């Protein structure tokens, strides 16, 4: 029987991970590919409906993409693909500064203002 493969929704680029993310994966006995596969197939994980819509918009208009998951051990794990799709980072959210996403919001708002 032939298996159908899902075509990725976007390119991941270079894949990197923070030490915190690697530690969370090791603690849970899980591999990055499990989460990366979900991310690249638009399975955004533990996001609100508004954030899911934001990702869909960002995918269409070339902005940064964010997915949020929990490992089997209950730790949060984020996956962020940059707007130019050159890099995808697995992050442990406790290591992320609150203003890291301000640039995305500003860029998206500037784009929306020109869309009227």
PDB file of N, CA and C in Angstrom:
ATOM      1  N   UNK A   1       0.838  -1.179   0.000  1.00  0.00           N
ATOM      2  CA  UNK A   1       0.000   0.000   0.000  1.00  0.00           C
ATOM      3  C   UNK A   1       0.887   1.248   0.000  1.00  0.00           C
ATOM      4  N   UNK A   2       0.588   2.197  -0.860  1.00  0.00           N
ATOM      5  CA  UNK A   2       1.371   3.416  -0.962  1.00  0.00           C
ATOM      6  C   UNK A   2       0.943   4.405   0.111  1.00  0.00           C
ATOM      7  N   UNK A   3       1.946   5.004   0.788  1.00  0.00           N
ATOM      8  CA  UNK A   3       1.653   6.010   1.795  1.00  0.00           C
ATOM      9  C   UNK A   3       1.658   7.386   1.136  1.00  0.00           C
ATOM     10  N   UNK A   4       0.711   8.208   1.542  1.00  0.00           N
ATOM     11  CA  UNK A   4       0.670   9.574   1.066  1.00  0.00           C
ATOM     12  C   UNK A   4       1.482  10.442   2.015  1.00  0.00           C
ATOM     13  N   UNK A   5       2.333  11.271   1.461  1.00  0.00           N
ATOM     14  CA  UNK A   5       3.103  12.160   2.317  1.00  0.00           C
ATOM     15  C   UNK A   5       2.543  13.567   2.206  1.00  0.00           C
ATOM     16  N   UNK A   6       2.487  14.226   3.336  1.00  0.00           N
ATOM     17  CA  UNK A   6       2.022  15.600   3.390  1.00  0.00           C
ATOM     18  C   UNK A   6       3.135  16.520   2.929  1.00  0.00           C
ATOM     19  N   UNK A   7       2.808  17.445   2.058  1.00  0.00           N
ATOM     20  CA  UNK A   7       3.801  18.412   1.614  1.00  0.00           C
ATOM     21  C   UNK A   7       3.918  19.501   2.682  1.00  0.00           C
ATOM     22  N   UNK A   8       5.143  19.842   3.080  1.00  0.00           N
ATOM     23  CA  UNK A   8       5.314  20.894   4.092  1.00  0.00           C
ATOM     24  C   UNK A   8       4.706  22.217   3.619  1.00  0.00           C
ATOM     25  N   UNK A   9       4.141  22.967   4.543  1.00  0.00           N
ATOM     26  CA  UNK A   9       3.508  24.239   4.214  1.00  0.00           C
ATOM     27  C   UNK A   9       4.529  25.343   3.966  1.00  0.00           C
ATOM     28  N   UNK A  10       5.761  25.151   4.441  1.00  0.00           N
ATOM     29  CA  UNK A  10       6.817  26.156   4.292  1.00  0.00           C
ATOM     30  C   UNK A  10       8.160  25.502   4.570  1.00  0.00           C
ATOM     31  N   UNK A  11       9.228  26.204   4.208  1.00  0.00           N
ATOM     32  CA  UNK A  11      10.590  25.718   4.455  1.00  0.00           C
ATOM     33  C   UNK A  11      11.000  26.063   5.881  1.00  0.00           C
ATOM     34  N   UNK A  12      11.739  25.167   6.517  1.00  0.00           N
ATOM     35  CA  UNK A  12      12.223  25.411   7.875  1.00  0.00           C
ATOM     36  C   UNK A  12      13.558  26.141   7.897  1.00  0.00           C
ATOM     37  N   UNK A  13      14.326  26.055   6.814  1.00  0.00           N
ATOM     38  CA  UNK A  13      15.665  26.636   6.810  1.00  0.00           C
ATOM     39  C   UNK A  13      16.577  25.852   7.738  1.00  0.00           C
ATOM     40  N   UNK A  14      17.589  26.523   8.262  1.00  0.00           N
ATOM     41  CA  UNK A  14      18.496  25.881   9.216  1.00  0.00           C
ATOM     42  C   UNK A  14      17.744  25.670  10.526  1.00  0.00           C
ATOM     43  N   UNK A  15      17.889  24.506  11.116  1.00  0.00           N
ATOM     44  CA  UNK A  15      17.205  24.193  12.367  1.00  0.00           C
ATOM     45  C   UNK A  15      18.211  24.284  13.506  1.00  0.00           C
ATOM     46  N   UNK A  16      17.876  25.111  14.505  1.00  0.00           N
ATOM     47  CA  UNK A  16      18.723  25.284  15.681  1.00  0.00           C
ATOM     48  C   UNK A  16      17.856  25.131  16.926  1.00  0.00           C
ATOM     49  N   UNK A  17      18.503  24.920  18.064  1.00  0.00           N
ATOM     50  CA  UNK A  17      17.777  24.761  19.325  1.00  0.00           C
ATOM     51  C   UNK A  17      18.558  25.400  20.458  1.00  0.00           C
ATOM     52  N   UNK A  18      17.825  25.977  21.394  1.00  0.00           N
ATOM     53  CA  UNK A  18      18.448  26.545  22.572  1.00  0.00           C
ATOM     54  C   UNK A  18      18.793  25.416  23.548  1.00  0.00           C
ATOM     55  N   UNK A  19      19.746  25.650  24.432  1.00  0.00           N
ATOM     56  CA  UNK A  19      20.074  24.626  25.439  1.00  0.00           C
ATOM     57  C   UNK A  19      18.856  24.228  26.278  1.00  0.00           C
ATOM     58  N   UNK A  20      18.008  25.199  26.602  1.00  0.00           N
ATOM     59  CA  UNK A  20      16.811  24.897  27.390  1.00  0.00           C
ATOM     60  C   UNK A  20      15.858  23.970  26.658  1.00  0.00           C
ATOM     61  N   UNK A  21      15.704  24.182  25.366  1.00  0.00           N
ATOM     62  CA  UNK A  21      14.827  23.316  24.567  1.00  0.00           C
ATOM     63  C   UNK A  21      15.391  21.911  24.495  1.00  0.00           C
ATOM     64  N   UNK A  22      16.697  21.796  24.291  1.00  0.00           N
ATOM     65  CA  UNK A  22      17.330  20.473  24.235  1.00  0.00           C
ATOM     66  C   UNK A  22      17.182  19.742  25.560  1.00  0.00           C
ATOM     67  N   UNK A  23      17.313  20.472  26.663  1.00  0.00           N
ATOM     68  CA  UNK A  23      17.159  19.858  27.989  1.00  0.00           C
ATOM     69  C   UNK A  23      15.727  19.377  28.204  1.00  0.00           C
ATOM     70  N   UNK A  24      14.750  20.181  27.762  1.00  0.00           N
ATOM     71  CA  UNK A  24      13.339  19.794  27.907  1.00  0.00           C
ATOM     72  C   UNK A  24      13.031  18.548  27.082  1.00  0.00           C
ATOM     73  N   UNK A  25      13.578  18.480  25.872  1.00  0.00           N
ATOM     74  CA  UNK A  25      13.368  17.300  25.022  1.00  0.00           C
ATOM     75  C   UNK A  25      14.007  16.065  25.648  1.00  0.00           C
ATOM     76  N   UNK A  26      15.211  16.212  26.162  1.00  0.00           N
ATOM     77  CA  UNK A  26      15.902  15.083  26.792  1.00  0.00           C
ATOM     78  C   UNK A  26      15.130  14.595  28.016  1.00  0.00           C
ATOM     79  N   UNK A  27      14.665  15.521  28.835  1.00  0.00           N
ATOM     80  CA  UNK A  27      13.884  15.184  30.034  1.00  0.00           C
ATOM     81  C   UNK A  27      12.640  14.378  29.671  1.00  0.00           C
ATOM     82  N   UNK A  28      12.000  14.734  28.547  1.00  0.00           N
ATOM     83  CA  UNK A  28      10.762  14.071  28.119  1.00  0.00           C
ATOM     84  C   UNK A  28      11.022  12.818  27.294  1.00  0.00           C
ATOM     85  N   UNK A  29      12.287  12.605  26.879  1.00  0.00           N
ATOM     86  CA  UNK A  29      12.586  11.459  26.019  1.00  0.00           C
ATOM     87  C   UNK A  29      11.993  11.614  24.636  1.00  0.00           C
ATOM     88  N   UNK A  30      11.916  12.843  24.143  1.00  0.00           N
ATOM     89  CA  UNK A  30      11.331  13.113  22.829  1.00  0.00           C
ATOM     90  C   UNK A  30      12.378  13.691  21.889  1.00  0.00           C
ATOM     91  N   UNK A  31      12.081  13.609  20.590  1.00  0.00           N
ATOM     92  CA  UNK A  31      12.980  14.089  19.549  1.00  0.00           C
ATOM     93  C   UNK A  31      12.422  15.370  18.934  1.00  0.00           C
ATOM     94  N   UNK A  32      13.282  16.268  18.476  1.00  0.00           N
ATOM     95  CA  UNK A  32      12.819  17.511  17.854  1.00  0.00           C
ATOM     96  C   UNK A  32      11.906  17.281  16.647  1.00  0.00           C
ATOM     97  N   UNK A  33      12.182  16.244  15.879  1.00  0.00           N
ATOM     98  CA  UNK A  33      11.408  15.984  14.666  1.00  0.00           C
ATOM     99  C   UNK A  33       9.924  15.841  14.910  1.00  0.00           C
ATOM    100  N   UNK A  34       9.565  15.317  16.056  1.00  0.00           N
ATOM    101  CA  UNK A  34       8.145  15.156  16.398  1.00  0.00           C
ATOM    102  C   UNK A  34       7.431  16.508  16.373  1.00  0.00           C
ATOM    103  N   UNK A  35       8.057  17.520  16.923  1.00  0.00           N
ATOM    104  CA  UNK A  35       7.468  18.850  16.985  1.00  0.00           C
ATOM    105  C   UNK A  35       7.652  19.616  15.681  1.00  0.00           C
ATOM    106  N   UNK A  36       8.802  19.452  15.048  1.00  0.00           N
ATOM    107  CA  UNK A  36       9.058  20.139  13.779  1.00  0.00           C
ATOM    108  C   UNK A  36       8.084  19.691  12.694  1.00  0.00           C
ATOM    109  N   UNK A  37       7.760  18.408  12.671  1.00  0.00           N
ATOM    110  CA  UNK A  37       6.799  17.884  11.695  1.00  0.00           C
ATOM    111  C   UNK A  37       5.435  18.537  11.880  1.00  0.00           C
ATOM    112  N   UNK A  38       5.003  18.660  13.121  1.00  0.00           N
ATOM    113  CA  UNK A  38       3.719  19.311  13.388  1.00  0.00           C
ATOM    114  C   UNK A  38       3.752  20.779  12.959  1.00  0.00           C
ATOM    115  N   UNK A  39       4.849  21.451  13.292  1.00  0.00           N
ATOM    116  CA  UNK A  39       5.000  22.872  12.975  1.00  0.00           C
ATOM    117  C   UNK A  39       4.935  23.106  11.464  1.00  0.00           C
ATOM    118  N   UNK A  40       5.695  22.353  10.699  1.00  0.00           N
ATOM    119  CA  UNK A  40       5.769  22.560   9.246  1.00  0.00           C
ATOM    120  C   UNK A  40       4.475  22.143   8.541  1.00  0.00           C
ATOM    121  N   UNK A  41       3.635  21.396   9.231  1.00  0.00           N
ATOM    122  CA  UNK A  41       2.339  20.990   8.673  1.00  0.00           C
ATOM    123  C   UNK A  41       1.185  21.826   9.230  1.00  0.00           C
ATOM    124  N   UNK A  42       1.521  22.988   9.773  1.00  0.00           N
ATOM    125  CA  UNK A  42       0.538  23.950  10.269  1.00  0.00           C
ATOM    126  C   UNK A  42      -0.293  23.429  11.427  1.00  0.00           C
ATOM    127  N   UNK A  43       0.254  22.524  12.192  1.00  0.00           N
ATOM    128  CA  UNK A  43      -0.372  22.083  13.433  1.00  0.00           C
ATOM    129  C   UNK A  43       0.283  22.920  14.530  1.00  0.00           C
ATOM    130  N   UNK A  44      -0.290  24.089  14.798  1.00  0.00           N
ATOM    131  CA  UNK A  44       0.357  25.116  15.612  1.00  0.00           C
ATOM    132  C   UNK A  44       0.423  24.797  17.096  1.00  0.00           C
ATOM    133  N   UNK A  45      -0.223  23.746  17.537  1.00  0.00           N
ATOM    134  CA  UNK A  45      -0.113  23.345  18.942  1.00  0.00           C
ATOM    135  C   UNK A  45      -1.000  24.144  19.870  1.00  0.00           C
ATOM    136  N   UNK A  46      -0.443  24.508  21.024  1.00  0.00           N
ATOM    137  CA  UNK A  46      -1.197  25.148  22.105  1.00  0.00           C
ATOM    138  C   UNK A  46      -1.287  26.660  21.911  1.00  0.00           C
ATOM    139  N   UNK A  47      -1.947  27.080  20.858  1.00  0.00           N
ATOM    140  CA  UNK A  47      -2.145  28.496  20.589  1.00  0.00           C
ATOM    141  C   UNK A  47      -3.632  28.822  20.614  1.00  0.00           C
ATOM    142  N   UNK A  48      -3.945  30.056  20.942  1.00  0.00           N
ATOM    143  CA  UNK A  48      -5.332  30.512  20.906  1.00  0.00           C
ATOM    144  C   UNK A  48      -5.795  30.583  19.449  1.00  0.00           C
ATOM    145  N   UNK A  49      -7.091  30.683  19.251  1.00  0.00           N
ATOM    146  CA  UNK A  49      -7.630  30.824  17.895  1.00  0.00           C
ATOM    147  C   UNK A  49      -7.062  32.071  17.218  1.00  0.00           C
ATOM    148  N   UNK A  50      -6.930  33.141  17.986  1.00  0.00           N
ATOM    149  CA  UNK A  50      -6.382  34.384  17.438  1.00  0.00           C
ATOM    150  C   UNK A  50      -4.935  34.185  16.968  1.00  0.00           C
ATOM    151  N   UNK A  51      -4.140  33.487  17.768  1.00  0.00           N
ATOM    152  CA  UNK A  51      -2.745  33.238  17.387  1.00  0.00           C
ATOM    153  C   UNK A  51      -2.649  32.289  16.189  1.00  0.00           C
ATOM    154  N   UNK A  52      -3.561  31.341  16.093  1.00  0.00           N
ATOM    155  CA  UNK A  52      -3.585  30.455  14.924  1.00  0.00           C
ATOM    156  C   UNK A  52      -3.879  31.255  13.647  1.00  0.00           C
ATOM    157  N   UNK A  53      -4.844  32.167  13.749  1.00  0.00           N
ATOM    158  CA  UNK A  53      -5.168  33.027  12.607  1.00  0.00           C
ATOM    159  C   UNK A  53      -3.980  33.917  12.265  1.00  0.00           C
ATOM    160  N   UNK A  54      -3.291  34.401  13.279  1.00  0.00           N
ATOM    161  CA  UNK A  54      -2.101  35.216  13.061  1.00  0.00           C
ATOM    162  C   UNK A  54      -1.051  34.425  12.294  1.00  0.00           C
ATOM    163  N   UNK A  55      -0.855  33.161  12.665  1.00  0.00           N
ATOM    164  CA  UNK A  55       0.101  32.317  11.946  1.00  0.00           C
ATOM    165  C   UNK A  55      -0.322  32.107  10.495  1.00  0.00           C
ATOM    166  N   UNK A  56      -1.602  31.876  10.273  1.00  0.00           N
ATOM    167  CA  UNK A  56      -2.078  31.694   8.901  1.00  0.00           C
ATOM    168  C   UNK A  56      -1.822  32.954   8.077  1.00  0.00           C
ATOM    169  N   UNK A  57      -2.098  34.100   8.675  1.00  0.00           N
ATOM    170  CA  UNK A  57      -1.837  35.375   8.010  1.00  0.00           C
ATOM    171  C   UNK A  57      -0.336  35.535   7.754  1.00  0.00           C
ATOM    172  N   UNK A  58       0.465  35.227   8.773  1.00  0.00           N
ATOM    173  CA  UNK A  58       1.921  35.357   8.667  1.00  0.00           C
ATOM    174  C   UNK A  58       2.491  34.434   7.603  1.00  0.00           C
ATOM    175  N   UNK A  59       1.931  33.257   7.475  1.00  0.00           N
ATOM    176  CA  UNK A  59       2.380  32.316   6.455  1.00  0.00           C
ATOM    177  C   UNK A  59       2.111  32.883   5.055  1.00  0.00           C
ATOM    178  N   UNK A  60       0.945  33.453   4.873  1.00  0.00           N
ATOM    179  CA  UNK A  60       0.564  34.008   3.577  1.00  0.00           C
ATOM    180  C   UNK A  60       1.367  35.263   3.213  1.00  0.00           C
ATOM    181  N   UNK A  61       1.740  36.054   4.231  1.00  0.00           N
ATOM    182  CA  UNK A  61       2.377  37.347   3.980  1.00  0.00           C
ATOM    183  C   UNK A  61       3.863  37.393   4.342  1.00  0.00           C
ATOM    184  N   UNK A  62       4.442  36.260   4.684  1.00  0.00           N
ATOM    185  CA  UNK A  62       5.881  36.208   4.905  1.00  0.00           C
ATOM    186  C   UNK A  62       6.368  36.759   6.231  1.00  0.00           C
ATOM    187  N   UNK A  63       5.610  36.533   7.304  1.00  0.00           N
ATOM    188  CA  UNK A  63       6.036  36.961   8.628  1.00  0.00           C
ATOM    189  C   UNK A  63       6.486  35.750   9.449  1.00  0.00           C
ATOM    190  N   UNK A  64       7.002  36.021  10.616  1.00  0.00           N
ATOM    191  CA  UNK A  64       7.494  34.972  11.522  1.00  0.00           C
ATOM    192  C   UNK A  64       6.350  34.062  11.959  1.00  0.00           C
ATOM    193  N   UNK A  65       6.658  32.774  12.127  1.00  0.00           N
ATOM    194  CA  UNK A  65       5.676  31.771  12.545  1.00  0.00           C
ATOM    195  C   UNK A  65       6.051  31.230  13.914  1.00  0.00           C
ATOM    196  N   UNK A  66       5.056  31.001  14.745  1.00  0.00           N
ATOM    197  CA  UNK A  66       5.278  30.487  16.095  1.00  0.00           C
ATOM    198  C   UNK A  66       4.333  29.335  16.382  1.00  0.00           C
ATOM    199  N   UNK A  67       4.873  28.241  16.886  1.00  0.00           N
ATOM    200  CA  UNK A  67       4.066  27.141  17.401  1.00  0.00           C
ATOM    201  C   UNK A  67       4.442  26.936  18.854  1.00  0.00           C
ATOM    202  N   UNK A  68       3.503  26.426  19.631  1.00  0.00           N
ATOM    203  CA  UNK A  68       3.742  26.167  21.049  1.00  0.00           C
ATOM    204  C   UNK A  68       3.239  24.774  21.398  1.00  0.00           C
ATOM    205  N   UNK A  69       4.083  24.017  22.033  1.00  0.00           N
ATOM    206  CA  UNK A  69       3.750  22.631  22.391  1.00  0.00           C
ATOM    207  C   UNK A  69       4.136  22.354  23.837  1.00  0.00           C
ATOM    208  N   UNK A  70       3.677  21.231  24.342  1.00  0.00           N
ATOM    209  CA  UNK A  70       4.119  20.722  25.642  1.00  0.00           C
ATOM    210  C   UNK A  70       4.753  19.356  25.418  1.00  0.00           C
ATOM    211  N   UNK A  71       5.858  19.141  26.087  1.00  0.00           N
ATOM    212  CA  UNK A  71       6.502  17.832  26.020  1.00  0.00           C
ATOM    213  C   UNK A  71       5.724  16.854  26.902  1.00  0.00           C
ATOM    214  N   UNK A  72       6.082  15.583  26.832  1.00  0.00           N
ATOM    215  CA  UNK A  72       5.441  14.575  27.692  1.00  0.00           C
ATOM    216  C   UNK A  72       5.680  14.874  29.165  1.00  0.00           C
ATOM    217  N   UNK A  73       6.754  15.594  29.476  1.00  0.00           N
ATOM    218  CA  UNK A  73       7.063  15.959  30.861  1.00  0.00           C
ATOM    219  C   UNK A  73       6.332  17.238  31.289  1.00  0.00           C
ATOM    220  N   UNK A  74       5.592  17.852  30.365  1.00  0.00           N
ATOM    221  CA  UNK A  74       4.811  19.035  30.693  1.00  0.00           C
ATOM    222  C   UNK A  74       5.517  20.362  30.477  1.00  0.00           C
ATOM    223  N   UNK A  75       6.735  20.341  29.953  1.00  0.00           N
ATOM    224  CA  UNK A  75       7.458  21.578  29.692  1.00  0.00           C
ATOM    225  C   UNK A  75       6.980  22.210  28.390  1.00  0.00           C
ATOM    226  N   UNK A  76       6.923  23.536  28.380  1.00  0.00           N
ATOM    227  CA  UNK A  76       6.563  24.249  27.158  1.00  0.00           C
ATOM    228  C   UNK A  76       7.747  24.257  26.205  1.00  0.00           C
ATOM    229  N   UNK A  77       7.430  24.199  24.928  1.00  0.00           N
ATOM    230  CA  UNK A  77       8.434  24.258  23.872  1.00  0.00           C
ATOM    231  C   UNK A  77       7.856  25.110  22.757  1.00  0.00           C
ATOM    232  N   UNK A  78       8.610  26.096  22.323  1.00  0.00           N
ATOM    233  CA  UNK A  78       8.195  26.924  21.195  1.00  0.00           C
ATOM    234  C   UNK A  78       9.048  26.603  19.995  1.00  0.00           C
ATOM    235  N   UNK A  79       8.445  26.725  18.820  1.00  0.00           N
ATOM    236  CA  UNK A  79       9.189  26.641  17.568  1.00  0.00           C
ATOM    237  C   UNK A  79       8.887  27.914  16.797  1.00  0.00           C
ATOM    238  N   UNK A  80       9.953  28.593  16.396  1.00  0.00           N
ATOM    239  CA  UNK A  80       9.832  29.866  15.704  1.00  0.00           C
ATOM    240  C   UNK A  80      10.561  29.767  14.369  1.00  0.00           C
ATOM    241  N   UNK A  81       9.844  30.041  13.285  1.00  0.00           N
ATOM    242  CA  UNK A  81      10.457  30.114  11.961  1.00  0.00           C
ATOM    243  C   UNK A  81      10.487  31.574  11.542  1.00  0.00           C
ATOM    244  N   UNK A  82      11.667  32.049  11.192  1.00  0.00           N
ATOM    245  CA  UNK A  82      11.844  33.452  10.833  1.00  0.00           C
ATOM    246  C   UNK A  82      11.108  33.797   9.548  1.00  0.00           C
ATOM    247  N   UNK A  83      10.840  35.062   9.365  1.00  0.00           N
ATOM    248  CA  UNK A  83      10.021  35.530   8.243  1.00  0.00           C
ATOM    249  C   UNK A  83      10.607  35.168   6.882  1.00  0.00           C
ATOM    250  N   UNK A  84      11.938  35.133   6.774  1.00  0.00           N
ATOM    251  CA  UNK A  84      12.554  34.777   5.490  1.00  0.00           C
ATOM    252  C   UNK A  84      12.740  33.266   5.335  1.00  0.00           C
ATOM    253  N   UNK A  85      12.250  32.511   6.324  1.00  0.00           N
ATOM    254  CA  UNK A  85      12.302  31.033   6.343  1.00  0.00           C
ATOM    255  C   UNK A  85      13.732  30.499   6.299  1.00  0.00           C
ATOM    256  N   UNK A  86      14.682  31.298   6.761  1.00  0.00           N
ATOM    257  CA  UNK A  86      16.083  30.870   6.761  1.00  0.00           C
ATOM    258  C   UNK A  86      16.456  30.052   7.992  1.00  0.00           C
ATOM    259  N   UNK A  87      15.738  30.248   9.091  1.00  0.00           N
ATOM    260  CA  UNK A  87      16.070  29.586  10.351  1.00  0.00           C
ATOM    261  C   UNK A  87      14.798  29.241  11.106  1.00  0.00           C
ATOM    262  N   UNK A  88      14.800  28.059  11.699  1.00  0.00           N
ATOM    263  CA  UNK A  88      13.744  27.650  12.629  1.00  0.00           C
ATOM    264  C   UNK A  88      14.421  27.298  13.939  1.00  0.00           C
ATOM    265  N   UNK A  89      13.913  27.873  15.037  1.00  0.00           N
ATOM    266  CA  UNK A  89      14.519  27.691  16.347  1.00  0.00           C
ATOM    267  C   UNK A  89      13.565  27.004  17.292  1.00  0.00           C
ATOM    268  N   UNK A  90      14.048  25.953  17.954  1.00  0.00           N
ATOM    269  CA  UNK A  90      13.312  25.331  19.047  1.00  0.00           C
ATOM    270  C   UNK A  90      13.762  26.043  20.311  1.00  0.00           C
ATOM    271  N   UNK A  91      12.798  26.588  21.055  1.00  0.00           N
ATOM    272  CA  UNK A  91      13.104  27.401  22.235  1.00  0.00           C
ATOM    273  C   UNK A  91      12.378  26.883  23.462  1.00  0.00           C
ATOM    274  N   UNK A  92      12.999  27.134  24.576  1.00  0.00           N
ATOM    275  CA  UNK A  92      12.356  26.941  25.873  1.00  0.00           C
ATOM    276  C   UNK A  92      11.862  28.323  26.277  1.00  0.00           C
ATOM    277  N   UNK A  93      10.537  28.566  26.345  1.00  0.00           N
ATOM    278  CA  UNK A  93       9.996  29.916  26.506  1.00  0.00           C
ATOM    279  C   UNK A  93      10.536  30.695  27.703  1.00  0.00           C
ATOM    280  N   UNK A  94      10.949  30.027  28.746  1.00  0.00           N
ATOM    281  CA  UNK A  94      11.461  30.749  29.914  1.00  0.00           C
ATOM    282  C   UNK A  94      12.744  31.509  29.576  1.00  0.00           C
ATOM    283  N   UNK A  95      13.389  31.147  28.456  1.00  0.00           N
ATOM    284  CA  UNK A  95      14.625  31.810  28.050  1.00  0.00           C
ATOM    285  C   UNK A  95      14.383  32.947  27.059  1.00  0.00           C
ATOM    286  N   UNK A  96      13.118  33.240  26.729  1.00  0.00           N
ATOM    287  CA  UNK A  96      12.787  34.253  25.734  1.00  0.00           C
ATOM    288  C   UNK A  96      12.413  35.553  26.445  1.00  0.00           C
ATOM    289  N   UNK A  97      12.936  36.659  25.958  1.00  0.00           N
ATOM    290  CA  UNK A  97      12.604  37.982  26.504  1.00  0.00           C
ATOM    291  C   UNK A  97      11.270  38.431  25.920  1.00  0.00           C
ATOM    292  N   UNK A  98      10.454  39.142  26.701  1.00  0.00           N
ATOM    293  CA  UNK A  98       9.136  39.583  26.213  1.00  0.00           C
ATOM    294  C   UNK A  98       9.189  40.420  24.945  1.00  0.00           C
ATOM    295  N   UNK A  99      10.223  41.222  24.739  1.00  0.00           N
ATOM    296  CA  UNK A  99      10.252  42.101  23.567  1.00  0.00           C
ATOM    297  C   UNK A  99      10.767  41.408  22.311  1.00  0.00           C
ATOM    298  N   UNK A 100      11.064  40.126  22.367  1.00  0.00           N
ATOM    299  CA  UNK A 100      11.568  39.421  21.195  1.00  0.00           C
ATOM    300  C   UNK A 100      10.560  39.385  20.055  1.00  0.00           C
ATOM    301  N   UNK A 101       9.275  39.547  20.363  1.00  0.00           N
ATOM    302  CA  UNK A 101       8.250  39.453  19.333  1.00  0.00           C
ATOM    303  C   UNK A 101       7.689  40.816  18.932  1.00  0.00           C
ATOM    304  N   UNK A 102       8.185  41.883  19.540  1.00  0.00           N
ATOM    305  CA  UNK A 102       7.686  43.216  19.210  1.00  0.00           C
ATOM    306  C   UNK A 102       7.959  43.570  17.751  1.00  0.00           C
ATOM    307  N   UNK A 103       9.100  43.157  17.215  1.00  0.00           N
ATOM    308  CA  UNK A 103       9.433  43.466  15.827  1.00  0.00           C
ATOM    309  C   UNK A 103       8.414  42.854  14.875  1.00  0.00           C
ATOM    310  N   UNK A 104       7.985  41.622  15.149  1.00  0.00           N
ATOM    311  CA  UNK A 104       6.994  40.973  14.287  1.00  0.00           C
ATOM    312  C   UNK A 104       5.691  41.752  14.320  1.00  0.00           C
ATOM    313  N   UNK A 105       5.250  42.129  15.509  1.00  0.00           N
ATOM    314  CA  UNK A 105       3.991  42.849  15.644  1.00  0.00           C
ATOM    315  C   UNK A 105       4.061  44.189  14.923  1.00  0.00           C
ATOM    316  N   UNK A 106       5.167  44.907  15.066  1.00  0.00           N
ATOM    317  CA  UNK A 106       5.318  46.199  14.404  1.00  0.00           C
ATOM    318  C   UNK A 106       5.279  46.034  12.885  1.00  0.00           C
ATOM    319  N   UNK A 107       6.003  45.042  12.365  1.00  0.00           N
ATOM    320  CA  UNK A 107       6.045  44.814  10.927  1.00  0.00           C
ATOM    321  C   UNK A 107       4.665  44.433  10.397  1.00  0.00           C
ATOM    322  N   UNK A 108       3.952  43.575  11.128  1.00  0.00           N
ATOM    323  CA  UNK A 108       2.620  43.151  10.711  1.00  0.00           C
ATOM    324  C   UNK A 108       1.674  44.343  10.694  1.00  0.00           C
ATOM    325  N   UNK A 109       1.735  45.201  11.726  1.00  0.00           N
ATOM    326  CA  UNK A 109       0.859  46.370  11.783  1.00  0.00           C
ATOM    327  C   UNK A 109       1.141  47.337  10.644  1.00  0.00           C
ATOM    328  N   UNK A 110       2.423  47.526  10.325  1.00  0.00           N
ATOM    329  CA  UNK A 110       2.777  48.402   9.209  1.00  0.00           C
ATOM    330  C   UNK A 110       2.214  47.850   7.903  1.00  0.00           C
ATOM    331  N   UNK A 111       2.271  46.536   7.748  1.00  0.00           N
ATOM    332  CA  UNK A 111       1.732  45.906   6.539  1.00  0.00           C
ATOM    333  C   UNK A 111       0.213  46.090   6.491  1.00  0.00           C
ATOM    334  N   UNK A 112      -0.463  45.872   7.607  1.00  0.00           N
ATOM    335  CA  UNK A 112      -1.921  46.006   7.651  1.00  0.00           C
ATOM    336  C   UNK A 112      -2.362  47.438   7.363  1.00  0.00           C
ATOM    337  N   UNK A 113      -1.605  48.430   7.850  1.00  0.00           N
ATOM    338  CA  UNK A 113      -1.946  49.822   7.613  1.00  0.00           C
ATOM    339  C   UNK A 113      -1.927  50.148   6.124  1.00  0.00           C
ATOM    340  N   UNK A 114      -1.032  49.525   5.379  1.00  0.00           N
ATOM    341  CA  UNK A 114      -0.937  49.766   3.953  1.00  0.00           C
ATOM    342  C   UNK A 114      -1.932  48.980   3.130  1.00  0.00           C
ATOM    343  N   UNK A 115      -2.705  48.103   3.773  1.00  0.00           N
ATOM    344  CA  UNK A 115      -3.620  47.196   3.105  1.00  0.00           C
ATOM    345  C   UNK A 115      -5.027  47.752   2.983  1.00  0.00           C
ATOM    346  N   UNK A 116      -5.333  48.845   3.604  1.00  0.00           N
ATOM    347  CA  UNK A 116      -6.695  49.418   3.698  1.00  0.00           C
ATOM    348  C   UNK A 116      -7.472  49.344   2.428  1.00  0.00           C
TER     349      UNK A 116
END
